[in-house]
Amino acid sequence: STVRFGSIAATEYTYWSDTRVKCKVPAA
């Protein structure tokens, strides 16, 4: 699974659960 900023997927994730996700805005 991924978090997408428009069509660009985040590549760095620090936490993932069924109700919360933490990730970093991708450089691209």
mmCIF file of all heavy atoms, coordinates in Angstrom:
data_MODEL
# 
_entry.id   MODEL 
# 
loop_
_atom_site.group_PDB 
_atom_site.id 
_atom_site.type_symbol 
_atom_site.label_atom_id 
_atom_site.label_alt_id 
_atom_site.label_comp_id 
_atom_site.label_asym_id 
_atom_site.label_entity_id 
_atom_site.label_seq_id 
_atom_site.pdbx_PDB_ins_code 
_atom_site.Cartn_x 
_atom_site.Cartn_y 
_atom_site.Cartn_z 
_atom_site.occupancy 
_atom_site.B_iso_or_equiv 
_atom_site.pdbx_formal_charge 
_atom_site.auth_seq_id 
_atom_site.auth_comp_id 
_atom_site.auth_asym_id 
_atom_site.auth_atom_id 
_atom_site.pdbx_PDB_model_num 
ATOM 1   N N   . SER A 1 1  ? 0.842  -1.207 0.000   1.00 0.00 ? 1  SER A N   1 
ATOM 2   C CA  . SER A 1 1  ? 0.000  0.000  0.000   1.00 0.00 ? 1  SER A CA  1 
ATOM 3   C C   . SER A 1 1  ? 0.875  1.254  0.000   1.00 0.00 ? 1  SER A C   1 
ATOM 4   O O   . SER A 1 1  ? 2.023  1.225  0.485   1.00 0.00 ? 1  SER A O   1 
ATOM 5   C CB  . SER A 1 1  ? -0.918 0.007  1.218   1.00 0.00 ? 1  SER A CB  1 
ATOM 6   O OG  . SER A 1 1  ? -1.765 -1.128 1.216   1.00 0.00 ? 1  SER A OG  1 
ATOM 7   N N   . THR A 1 2  ? 0.323  2.349  -0.514  1.00 0.00 ? 2  THR A N   1 
ATOM 8   C CA  . THR A 1 2  ? 1.095  3.588  -0.606  1.00 0.00 ? 2  THR A CA  1 
ATOM 9   C C   . THR A 1 2  ? 0.216  4.799  -0.304  1.00 0.00 ? 2  THR A C   1 
ATOM 10  O O   . THR A 1 2  ? -1.009 4.737  -0.407  1.00 0.00 ? 2  THR A O   1 
ATOM 11  C CB  . THR A 1 2  ? 1.697  3.785  -2.014  1.00 0.00 ? 2  THR A CB  1 
ATOM 12  O OG1 . THR A 1 2  ? 0.619  3.798  -2.976  1.00 0.00 ? 2  THR A OG1 1 
ATOM 13  C CG2 . THR A 1 2  ? 2.690  2.690  -2.358  1.00 0.00 ? 2  THR A CG2 1 
ATOM 14  N N   . VAL A 1 3  ? 0.901  5.887  0.061   1.00 0.00 ? 3  VAL A N   1 
ATOM 15  C CA  . VAL A 1 3  ? 0.267  7.207  0.128   1.00 0.00 ? 3  VAL A CA  1 
ATOM 16  C C   . VAL A 1 3  ? 0.750  7.963  -1.101  1.00 0.00 ? 3  VAL A C   1 
ATOM 17  O O   . VAL A 1 3  ? 1.955  8.016  -1.373  1.00 0.00 ? 3  VAL A O   1 
ATOM 18  C CB  . VAL A 1 3  ? 0.654  7.962  1.412   1.00 0.00 ? 3  VAL A CB  1 
ATOM 19  C CG1 . VAL A 1 3  ? 0.073  9.377  1.397   1.00 0.00 ? 3  VAL A CG1 1 
ATOM 20  C CG2 . VAL A 1 3  ? 0.181  7.199  2.634   1.00 0.00 ? 3  VAL A CG2 1 
ATOM 21  N N   . ARG A 1 4  ? -0.197 8.553  -1.853  1.00 0.00 ? 4  ARG A N   1 
ATOM 22  C CA  . ARG A 1 4  ? 0.173  9.224  -3.092  1.00 0.00 ? 4  ARG A CA  1 
ATOM 23  C C   . ARG A 1 4  ? -0.120 10.713 -3.030  1.00 0.00 ? 4  ARG A C   1 
ATOM 24  O O   . ARG A 1 4  ? -1.174 11.132 -2.536  1.00 0.00 ? 4  ARG A O   1 
ATOM 25  C CB  . ARG A 1 4  ? -0.560 8.591  -4.280  1.00 0.00 ? 4  ARG A CB  1 
ATOM 26  C CG  . ARG A 1 4  ? -0.090 7.175  -4.581  1.00 0.00 ? 4  ARG A CG  1 
ATOM 27  C CD  . ARG A 1 4  ? -0.768 6.600  -5.818  1.00 0.00 ? 4  ARG A CD  1 
ATOM 28  N NE  . ARG A 1 4  ? -0.218 5.291  -6.143  1.00 0.00 ? 4  ARG A NE  1 
ATOM 29  C CZ  . ARG A 1 4  ? 0.832  5.088  -6.936  1.00 0.00 ? 4  ARG A CZ  1 
ATOM 30  N NH1 . ARG A 1 4  ? 1.431  6.133  -7.492  1.00 0.00 ? 4  ARG A NH1 1 
ATOM 31  N NH2 . ARG A 1 4  ? 1.274  3.862  -7.165  1.00 0.00 ? 4  ARG A NH2 1 
ATOM 32  N N   . PHE A 1 5  ? 0.836  11.462 -3.540  1.00 0.00 ? 5  PHE A N   1 
ATOM 33  C CA  . PHE A 1 5  ? 0.713  12.911 -3.664  1.00 0.00 ? 5  PHE A CA  1 
ATOM 34  C C   . PHE A 1 5  ? 0.483  13.177 -5.153  1.00 0.00 ? 5  PHE A C   1 
ATOM 35  O O   . PHE A 1 5  ? 1.439  13.235 -5.928  1.00 0.00 ? 5  PHE A O   1 
ATOM 36  C CB  . PHE A 1 5  ? 1.977  13.604 -3.167  1.00 0.00 ? 5  PHE A CB  1 
ATOM 37  C CG  . PHE A 1 5  ? 2.248  13.361 -1.708  1.00 0.00 ? 5  PHE A CG  1 
ATOM 38  C CD1 . PHE A 1 5  ? 2.776  12.147 -1.269  1.00 0.00 ? 5  PHE A CD1 1 
ATOM 39  C CD2 . PHE A 1 5  ? 1.953  14.337 -0.764  1.00 0.00 ? 5  PHE A CD2 1 
ATOM 40  C CE1 . PHE A 1 5  ? 3.021  11.916 0.077   1.00 0.00 ? 5  PHE A CE1 1 
ATOM 41  C CE2 . PHE A 1 5  ? 2.196  14.114 0.583   1.00 0.00 ? 5  PHE A CE2 1 
ATOM 42  C CZ  . PHE A 1 5  ? 2.722  12.895 1.007   1.00 0.00 ? 5  PHE A CZ  1 
ATOM 43  N N   . GLY A 1 6  ? -0.777 13.283 -5.527  1.00 0.00 ? 6  GLY A N   1 
ATOM 44  C CA  . GLY A 1 6  ? -1.071 13.264 -6.945  1.00 0.00 ? 6  GLY A CA  1 
ATOM 45  C C   . GLY A 1 6  ? -0.761 11.867 -7.463  1.00 0.00 ? 6  GLY A C   1 
ATOM 46  O O   . GLY A 1 6  ? -1.294 10.874 -6.966  1.00 0.00 ? 6  GLY A O   1 
ATOM 47  N N   . SER A 1 7  ? 0.154  11.774 -8.410  1.00 0.00 ? 7  SER A N   1 
ATOM 48  C CA  . SER A 1 7  ? 0.547  10.463 -8.956  1.00 0.00 ? 7  SER A CA  1 
ATOM 49  C C   . SER A 1 7  ? 1.838  9.937  -8.358  1.00 0.00 ? 7  SER A C   1 
ATOM 50  O O   . SER A 1 7  ? 2.293  8.846  -8.707  1.00 0.00 ? 7  SER A O   1 
ATOM 51  C CB  . SER A 1 7  ? 0.701  10.570 -10.484 1.00 0.00 ? 7  SER A CB  1 
ATOM 52  O OG  . SER A 1 7  ? 1.723  11.507 -10.815 1.00 0.00 ? 7  SER A OG  1 
ATOM 53  N N   . ILE A 1 8  ? 2.447  10.706 -7.441  1.00 0.00 ? 8  ILE A N   1 
ATOM 54  C CA  . ILE A 1 8  ? 3.753  10.343 -6.869  1.00 0.00 ? 8  ILE A CA  1 
ATOM 55  C C   . ILE A 1 8  ? 3.561  9.671  -5.515  1.00 0.00 ? 8  ILE A C   1 
ATOM 56  O O   . ILE A 1 8  ? 2.953  10.244 -4.595  1.00 0.00 ? 8  ILE A O   1 
ATOM 57  C CB  . ILE A 1 8  ? 4.661  11.581 -6.720  1.00 0.00 ? 8  ILE A CB  1 
ATOM 58  C CG1 . ILE A 1 8  ? 4.817  12.309 -8.055  1.00 0.00 ? 8  ILE A CG1 1 
ATOM 59  C CG2 . ILE A 1 8  ? 6.019  11.168 -6.166  1.00 0.00 ? 8  ILE A CG2 1 
ATOM 60  C CD1 . ILE A 1 8  ? 5.444  11.457 -9.151  1.00 0.00 ? 8  ILE A CD1 1 
ATOM 61  N N   . ALA A 1 9  ? 4.080  8.464  -5.368  1.00 0.00 ? 9  ALA A N   1 
ATOM 62  C CA  . ALA A 1 9  ? 3.941  7.717  -4.121  1.00 0.00 ? 9  ALA A CA  1 
ATOM 63  C C   . ALA A 1 9  ? 5.048  8.072  -3.143  1.00 0.00 ? 9  ALA A C   1 
ATOM 64  O O   . ALA A 1 9  ? 6.209  8.272  -3.539  1.00 0.00 ? 9  ALA A O   1 
ATOM 65  C CB  . ALA A 1 9  ? 3.963  6.214  -4.412  1.00 0.00 ? 9  ALA A CB  1 
ATOM 66  N N   . ALA A 1 10 ? 4.695  8.139  -1.880  1.00 0.00 ? 10 ALA A N   1 
ATOM 67  C CA  . ALA A 1 10 ? 5.702  8.323  -0.833  1.00 0.00 ? 10 ALA A CA  1 
ATOM 68  C C   . ALA A 1 10 ? 6.570  7.072  -0.756  1.00 0.00 ? 10 ALA A C   1 
ATOM 69  O O   . ALA A 1 10 ? 6.097  5.952  -0.981  1.00 0.00 ? 10 ALA A O   1 
ATOM 70  C CB  . ALA A 1 10 ? 5.028  8.582  0.498   1.00 0.00 ? 10 ALA A CB  1 
ATOM 71  N N   . THR A 1 11 ? 7.832  7.261  -0.429  1.00 0.00 ? 11 THR A N   1 
ATOM 72  C CA  . THR A 1 11 ? 8.754  6.130  -0.336  1.00 0.00 ? 11 THR A CA  1 
ATOM 73  C C   . THR A 1 11 ? 9.230  5.890  1.094   1.00 0.00 ? 11 THR A C   1 
ATOM 74  O O   . THR A 1 11 ? 9.795  4.838  1.385   1.00 0.00 ? 11 THR A O   1 
ATOM 75  C CB  . THR A 1 11 ? 9.979  6.370  -1.233  1.00 0.00 ? 11 THR A CB  1 
ATOM 76  O OG1 . THR A 1 11 ? 10.611 7.594  -0.845  1.00 0.00 ? 11 THR A OG1 1 
ATOM 77  C CG2 . THR A 1 11 ? 9.568  6.457  -2.700  1.00 0.00 ? 11 THR A CG2 1 
ATOM 78  N N   . GLU A 1 12 ? 9.019  6.872  1.991   1.00 0.00 ? 12 GLU A N   1 
ATOM 79  C CA  . GLU A 1 12 ? 9.459  6.729  3.382   1.00 0.00 ? 12 GLU A CA  1 
ATOM 80  C C   . GLU A 1 12 ? 8.242  6.706  4.305   1.00 0.00 ? 12 GLU A C   1 
ATOM 81  O O   . GLU A 1 12 ? 7.475  7.676  4.355   1.00 0.00 ? 12 GLU A O   1 
ATOM 82  C CB  . GLU A 1 12 ? 10.384 7.873  3.776   1.00 0.00 ? 12 GLU A CB  1 
ATOM 83  C CG  . GLU A 1 12 ? 11.704 7.892  3.033   1.00 0.00 ? 12 GLU A CG  1 
ATOM 84  C CD  . GLU A 1 12 ? 12.606 9.012  3.529   1.00 0.00 ? 12 GLU A CD  1 
ATOM 85  O OE1 . GLU A 1 12 ? 13.106 8.916  4.666   1.00 0.00 ? 12 GLU A OE1 1 
ATOM 86  O OE2 . GLU A 1 12 ? 12.795 9.993  2.781   1.00 0.00 ? 12 GLU A OE2 1 
ATOM 87  N N   . TYR A 1 13 ? 8.087  5.610  5.057   1.00 0.00 ? 13 TYR A N   1 
ATOM 88  C CA  . TYR A 1 13 ? 6.965  5.450  5.992   1.00 0.00 ? 13 TYR A CA  1 
ATOM 89  C C   . TYR A 1 13 ? 7.533  5.162  7.384   1.00 0.00 ? 13 TYR A C   1 
ATOM 90  O O   . TYR A 1 13 ? 8.432  4.342  7.543   1.00 0.00 ? 13 TYR A O   1 
ATOM 91  C CB  . TYR A 1 13 ? 6.068  4.297  5.546   1.00 0.00 ? 13 TYR A CB  1 
ATOM 92  C CG  . TYR A 1 13 ? 5.442  4.521  4.189   1.00 0.00 ? 13 TYR A CG  1 
ATOM 93  C CD1 . TYR A 1 13 ? 6.130  4.153  3.025   1.00 0.00 ? 13 TYR A CD1 1 
ATOM 94  C CD2 . TYR A 1 13 ? 4.197  5.104  4.061   1.00 0.00 ? 13 TYR A CD2 1 
ATOM 95  C CE1 . TYR A 1 13 ? 5.565  4.373  1.770   1.00 0.00 ? 13 TYR A CE1 1 
ATOM 96  C CE2 . TYR A 1 13 ? 3.620  5.315  2.813   1.00 0.00 ? 13 TYR A CE2 1 
ATOM 97  C CZ  . TYR A 1 13 ? 4.310  4.952  1.673   1.00 0.00 ? 13 TYR A CZ  1 
ATOM 98  O OH  . TYR A 1 13 ? 3.760  5.180  0.428   1.00 0.00 ? 13 TYR A OH  1 
ATOM 99  N N   . THR A 1 14 ? 7.016  5.875  8.377   1.00 0.00 ? 14 THR A N   1 
ATOM 100 C CA  . THR A 1 14 ? 7.489  5.673  9.748   1.00 0.00 ? 14 THR A CA  1 
ATOM 101 C C   . THR A 1 14 ? 6.458  4.976  10.620  1.00 0.00 ? 14 THR A C   1 
ATOM 102 O O   . THR A 1 14 ? 6.782  4.533  11.729  1.00 0.00 ? 14 THR A O   1 
ATOM 103 C CB  . THR A 1 14 ? 7.854  7.024  10.387  1.00 0.00 ? 14 THR A CB  1 
ATOM 104 O OG1 . THR A 1 14 ? 6.703  7.889  10.332  1.00 0.00 ? 14 THR A OG1 1 
ATOM 105 C CG2 . THR A 1 14 ? 9.015  7.689  9.630   1.00 0.00 ? 14 THR A CG2 1 
ATOM 106 N N   . TYR A 1 15 ? 5.210  4.855  10.126  1.00 0.00 ? 15 TYR A N   1 
ATOM 107 C CA  . TYR A 1 15 ? 4.179  4.169  10.920  1.00 0.00 ? 15 TYR A CA  1 
ATOM 108 C C   . TYR A 1 15 ? 3.035  3.778  9.987   1.00 0.00 ? 15 TYR A C   1 
ATOM 109 O O   . TYR A 1 15 ? 2.695  4.518  9.064   1.00 0.00 ? 15 TYR A O   1 
ATOM 110 C CB  . TYR A 1 15 ? 3.653  5.087  12.031  1.00 0.00 ? 15 TYR A CB  1 
ATOM 111 C CG  . TYR A 1 15 ? 2.608  4.457  12.915  1.00 0.00 ? 15 TYR A CG  1 
ATOM 112 C CD1 . TYR A 1 15 ? 2.974  3.591  13.934  1.00 0.00 ? 15 TYR A CD1 1 
ATOM 113 C CD2 . TYR A 1 15 ? 1.256  4.726  12.716  1.00 0.00 ? 15 TYR A CD2 1 
ATOM 114 C CE1 . TYR A 1 15 ? 2.012  2.993  14.748  1.00 0.00 ? 15 TYR A CE1 1 
ATOM 115 C CE2 . TYR A 1 15 ? 0.291  4.147  13.530  1.00 0.00 ? 15 TYR A CE2 1 
ATOM 116 C CZ  . TYR A 1 15 ? 0.674  3.285  14.540  1.00 0.00 ? 15 TYR A CZ  1 
ATOM 117 O OH  . TYR A 1 15 ? -0.277 2.707  15.342  1.00 0.00 ? 15 TYR A OH  1 
ATOM 118 N N   . TRP A 1 16 ? 2.445  2.605  10.244  1.00 0.00 ? 16 TRP A N   1 
ATOM 119 C CA  . TRP A 1 16 ? 1.287  2.184  9.452   1.00 0.00 ? 16 TRP A CA  1 
ATOM 120 C C   . TRP A 1 16 ? 0.364  1.346  10.327  1.00 0.00 ? 16 TRP A C   1 
ATOM 121 O O   . TRP A 1 16 ? 0.797  0.382  10.961  1.00 0.00 ? 16 TRP A O   1 
ATOM 122 C CB  . TRP A 1 16 ? 1.722  1.358  8.232   1.00 0.00 ? 16 TRP A CB  1 
ATOM 123 C CG  . TRP A 1 16 ? 0.603  1.172  7.222   1.00 0.00 ? 16 TRP A CG  1 
ATOM 124 C CD1 . TRP A 1 16 ? -0.489 0.357  7.358   1.00 0.00 ? 16 TRP A CD1 1 
ATOM 125 C CD2 . TRP A 1 16 ? 0.474  1.823  5.974   1.00 0.00 ? 16 TRP A CD2 1 
ATOM 126 N NE1 . TRP A 1 16 ? -1.306 0.462  6.265   1.00 0.00 ? 16 TRP A NE1 1 
ATOM 127 C CE2 . TRP A 1 16 ? -0.733 1.356  5.382   1.00 0.00 ? 16 TRP A CE2 1 
ATOM 128 C CE3 . TRP A 1 16 ? 1.252  2.733  5.264   1.00 0.00 ? 16 TRP A CE3 1 
ATOM 129 C CZ2 . TRP A 1 16 ? -1.179 1.776  4.135   1.00 0.00 ? 16 TRP A CZ2 1 
ATOM 130 C CZ3 . TRP A 1 16 ? 0.808  3.170  4.030   1.00 0.00 ? 16 TRP A CZ3 1 
ATOM 131 C CH2 . TRP A 1 16 ? -0.391 2.701  3.477   1.00 0.00 ? 16 TRP A CH2 1 
ATOM 132 N N   . SER A 1 17 ? -0.898 1.746  10.370  1.00 0.00 ? 17 SER A N   1 
ATOM 133 C CA  . SER A 1 17 ? -1.924 0.952  11.047  1.00 0.00 ? 17 SER A CA  1 
ATOM 134 C C   . SER A 1 17 ? -3.212 1.086  10.258  1.00 0.00 ? 17 SER A C   1 
ATOM 135 O O   . SER A 1 17 ? -3.270 1.807  9.250   1.00 0.00 ? 17 SER A O   1 
ATOM 136 C CB  . SER A 1 17 ? -2.119 1.429  12.488  1.00 0.00 ? 17 SER A CB  1 
ATOM 137 O OG  . SER A 1 17 ? -2.832 2.663  12.515  1.00 0.00 ? 17 SER A OG  1 
ATOM 138 N N   . ASP A 1 18 ? -4.245 0.427  10.718  1.00 0.00 ? 18 ASP A N   1 
ATOM 139 C CA  . ASP A 1 18 ? -5.509 0.447  9.982   1.00 0.00 ? 18 ASP A CA  1 
ATOM 140 C C   . ASP A 1 18 ? -6.157 1.828  9.997   1.00 0.00 ? 18 ASP A C   1 
ATOM 141 O O   . ASP A 1 18 ? -6.942 2.160  9.107   1.00 0.00 ? 18 ASP A O   1 
ATOM 142 C CB  . ASP A 1 18 ? -6.479 -0.578 10.588  1.00 0.00 ? 18 ASP A CB  1 
ATOM 143 C CG  . ASP A 1 18 ? -7.695 -0.790 9.697   1.00 0.00 ? 18 ASP A CG  1 
ATOM 144 O OD1 . ASP A 1 18 ? -7.508 -1.173 8.521   1.00 0.00 ? 18 ASP A OD1 1 
ATOM 145 O OD2 . ASP A 1 18 ? -8.826 -0.559 10.166  1.00 0.00 ? 18 ASP A OD2 1 
ATOM 146 N N   . THR A 1 19 ? -5.795 2.668  10.995  1.00 0.00 ? 19 THR A N   1 
ATOM 147 C CA  . THR A 1 19 ? -6.443 3.986  11.117  1.00 0.00 ? 19 THR A CA  1 
ATOM 148 C C   . THR A 1 19 ? -5.486 5.173  11.023  1.00 0.00 ? 19 THR A C   1 
ATOM 149 O O   . THR A 1 19 ? -5.926 6.320  11.015  1.00 0.00 ? 19 THR A O   1 
ATOM 150 C CB  . THR A 1 19 ? -7.172 4.091  12.464  1.00 0.00 ? 19 THR A CB  1 
ATOM 151 O OG1 . THR A 1 19 ? -6.228 3.875  13.529  1.00 0.00 ? 19 THR A OG1 1 
ATOM 152 C CG2 . THR A 1 19 ? -8.291 3.075  12.549  1.00 0.00 ? 19 THR A CG2 1 
ATOM 153 N N   . ARG A 1 20 ? -4.200 4.895  10.968  1.00 0.00 ? 20 ARG A N   1 
ATOM 154 C CA  . ARG A 1 20 ? -3.229 6.008  10.904  1.00 0.00 ? 20 ARG A CA  1 
ATOM 155 C C   . ARG A 1 20 ? -1.989 5.593  10.131  1.00 0.00 ? 20 ARG A C   1 
ATOM 156 O O   . ARG A 1 20 ? -1.469 4.491  10.317  1.00 0.00 ? 20 ARG A O   1 
ATOM 157 C CB  . ARG A 1 20 ? -2.847 6.472  12.307  1.00 0.00 ? 20 ARG A CB  1 
ATOM 158 C CG  . ARG A 1 20 ? -1.717 7.492  12.348  1.00 0.00 ? 20 ARG A CG  1 
ATOM 159 C CD  . ARG A 1 20 ? -1.563 8.129  13.719  1.00 0.00 ? 20 ARG A CD  1 
ATOM 160 N NE  . ARG A 1 20 ? -2.687 9.014  14.001  1.00 0.00 ? 20 ARG A NE  1 
ATOM 161 C CZ  . ARG A 1 20 ? -2.777 9.762  15.098  1.00 0.00 ? 20 ARG A CZ  1 
ATOM 162 N NH1 . ARG A 1 20 ? -1.811 9.709  16.025  1.00 0.00 ? 20 ARG A NH1 1 
ATOM 163 N NH2 . ARG A 1 20 ? -3.819 10.547 15.287  1.00 0.00 ? 20 ARG A NH2 1 
ATOM 164 N N   . VAL A 1 21 ? -1.525 6.525  9.304   1.00 0.00 ? 21 VAL A N   1 
ATOM 165 C CA  . VAL A 1 21 ? -0.292 6.320  8.547   1.00 0.00 ? 21 VAL A CA  1 
ATOM 166 C C   . VAL A 1 21 ? 0.585  7.555  8.721   1.00 0.00 ? 21 VAL A C   1 
ATOM 167 O O   . VAL A 1 21 ? 0.083  8.691  8.703   1.00 0.00 ? 21 VAL A O   1 
ATOM 168 C CB  . VAL A 1 21 ? -0.591 6.108  7.038   1.00 0.00 ? 21 VAL A CB  1 
ATOM 169 C CG1 . VAL A 1 21 ? 0.710  6.103  6.231   1.00 0.00 ? 21 VAL A CG1 1 
ATOM 170 C CG2 . VAL A 1 21 ? -1.361 4.819  6.824   1.00 0.00 ? 21 VAL A CG2 1 
ATOM 171 N N   . LYS A 1 22 ? 1.893  7.337  8.907   1.00 0.00 ? 22 LYS A N   1 
ATOM 172 C CA  . LYS A 1 22 ? 2.853  8.443  8.939   1.00 0.00 ? 22 LYS A CA  1 
ATOM 173 C C   . LYS A 1 22 ? 3.866  8.215  7.822   1.00 0.00 ? 22 LYS A C   1 
ATOM 174 O O   . LYS A 1 22 ? 4.441  7.124  7.703   1.00 0.00 ? 22 LYS A O   1 
ATOM 175 C CB  . LYS A 1 22 ? 3.567  8.523  10.285  1.00 0.00 ? 22 LYS A CB  1 
ATOM 176 C CG  . LYS A 1 22 ? 2.665  8.940  11.429  1.00 0.00 ? 22 LYS A CG  1 
ATOM 177 C CD  . LYS A 1 22 ? 3.457  9.121  12.725  1.00 0.00 ? 22 LYS A CD  1 
ATOM 178 C CE  . LYS A 1 22 ? 2.553  9.565  13.861  1.00 0.00 ? 22 LYS A CE  1 
ATOM 179 N NZ  . LYS A 1 22 ? 3.322  9.793  15.108  1.00 0.00 ? 22 LYS A NZ  1 
ATOM 180 N N   . CYS A 1 23 ? 4.064  9.244  7.015   1.00 0.00 ? 23 CYS A N   1 
ATOM 181 C CA  . CYS A 1 23 ? 5.024  9.152  5.911   1.00 0.00 ? 23 CYS A CA  1 
ATOM 182 C C   . CYS A 1 23 ? 5.636  10.509 5.664   1.00 0.00 ? 23 CYS A C   1 
ATOM 183 O O   . CYS A 1 23 ? 5.223  11.513 6.261   1.00 0.00 ? 23 CYS A O   1 
ATOM 184 C CB  . CYS A 1 23 ? 4.338  8.630  4.644   1.00 0.00 ? 23 CYS A CB  1 
ATOM 185 S SG  . CYS A 1 23 ? 3.103  9.766  3.970   1.00 0.00 ? 23 CYS A SG  1 
ATOM 186 N N   . LYS A 1 24 ? 6.637  10.543 4.772   1.00 0.00 ? 24 LYS A N   1 
ATOM 187 C CA  . LYS A 1 24 ? 7.309  11.794 4.430   1.00 0.00 ? 24 LYS A CA  1 
ATOM 188 C C   . LYS A 1 24 ? 6.970  12.195 3.005   1.00 0.00 ? 24 LYS A C   1 
ATOM 189 O O   . LYS A 1 24 ? 6.818  11.338 2.125   1.00 0.00 ? 24 LYS A O   1 
ATOM 190 C CB  . LYS A 1 24 ? 8.819  11.656 4.608   1.00 0.00 ? 24 LYS A CB  1 
ATOM 191 C CG  . LYS A 1 24 ? 9.233  11.449 6.061   1.00 0.00 ? 24 LYS A CG  1 
ATOM 192 C CD  . LYS A 1 24 ? 10.739 11.420 6.225   1.00 0.00 ? 24 LYS A CD  1 
ATOM 193 C CE  . LYS A 1 24 ? 11.133 11.253 7.686   1.00 0.00 ? 24 LYS A CE  1 
ATOM 194 N NZ  . LYS A 1 24 ? 12.608 11.237 7.862   1.00 0.00 ? 24 LYS A NZ  1 
ATOM 195 N N   . VAL A 1 25 ? 6.855  13.509 2.812   1.00 0.00 ? 25 VAL A N   1 
ATOM 196 C CA  . VAL A 1 25 ? 6.575  14.020 1.468   1.00 0.00 ? 25 VAL A CA  1 
ATOM 197 C C   . VAL A 1 25 ? 7.738  13.640 0.562   1.00 0.00 ? 25 VAL A C   1 
ATOM 198 O O   . VAL A 1 25 ? 8.897  13.954 0.871   1.00 0.00 ? 25 VAL A O   1 
ATOM 199 C CB  . VAL A 1 25 ? 6.391  15.545 1.485   1.00 0.00 ? 25 VAL A CB  1 
ATOM 200 C CG1 . VAL A 1 25 ? 6.113  16.071 0.075   1.00 0.00 ? 25 VAL A CG1 1 
ATOM 201 C CG2 . VAL A 1 25 ? 5.276  15.941 2.448   1.00 0.00 ? 25 VAL A CG2 1 
ATOM 202 N N   . PRO A 1 26 ? 7.482  12.947 -0.548  1.00 0.00 ? 26 PRO A N   1 
ATOM 203 C CA  . PRO A 1 26 ? 8.579  12.509 -1.419  1.00 0.00 ? 26 PRO A CA  1 
ATOM 204 C C   . PRO A 1 26 ? 9.228  13.681 -2.163  1.00 0.00 ? 26 PRO A C   1 
ATOM 205 O O   . PRO A 1 26 ? 8.574  14.685 -2.472  1.00 0.00 ? 26 PRO A O   1 
ATOM 206 C CB  . PRO A 1 26 ? 7.884  11.558 -2.403  1.00 0.00 ? 26 PRO A CB  1 
ATOM 207 C CG  . PRO A 1 26 ? 6.464  12.005 -2.420  1.00 0.00 ? 26 PRO A CG  1 
ATOM 208 C CD  . PRO A 1 26 ? 6.161  12.494 -1.033  1.00 0.00 ? 26 PRO A CD  1 
ATOM 209 N N   . ALA A 1 27 ? 10.514 13.522 -2.432  1.00 0.00 ? 27 ALA A N   1 
ATOM 210 C CA  . ALA A 1 27 ? 11.258 14.577 -3.130  1.00 0.00 ? 27 ALA A CA  1 
ATOM 211 C C   . ALA A 1 27 ? 10.712 14.826 -4.526  1.00 0.00 ? 27 ALA A C   1 
ATOM 212 O O   . ALA A 1 27 ? 10.816 15.931 -5.063  1.00 0.00 ? 27 ALA A O   1 
ATOM 213 C CB  . ALA A 1 27 ? 12.734 14.198 -3.197  1.00 0.00 ? 27 ALA A CB  1 
ATOM 214 N N   . ALA A 1 28 ? 10.100 13.806 -5.129  1.00 0.00 ? 28 ALA A N   1 
ATOM 215 C CA  . ALA A 1 28 ? 9.595  13.945 -6.502  1.00 0.00 ? 28 ALA A CA  1 
ATOM 216 C C   . ALA A 1 28 ? 8.212  14.574 -6.570  1.00 0.00 ? 28 ALA A C   1 
ATOM 217 O O   . ALA A 1 28 ? 7.708  14.839 -7.678  1.00 0.00 ? 28 ALA A O   1 
ATOM 218 C CB  . ALA A 1 28 ? 9.572  12.572 -7.175  1.00 0.00 ? 28 ALA A CB  1 
# 
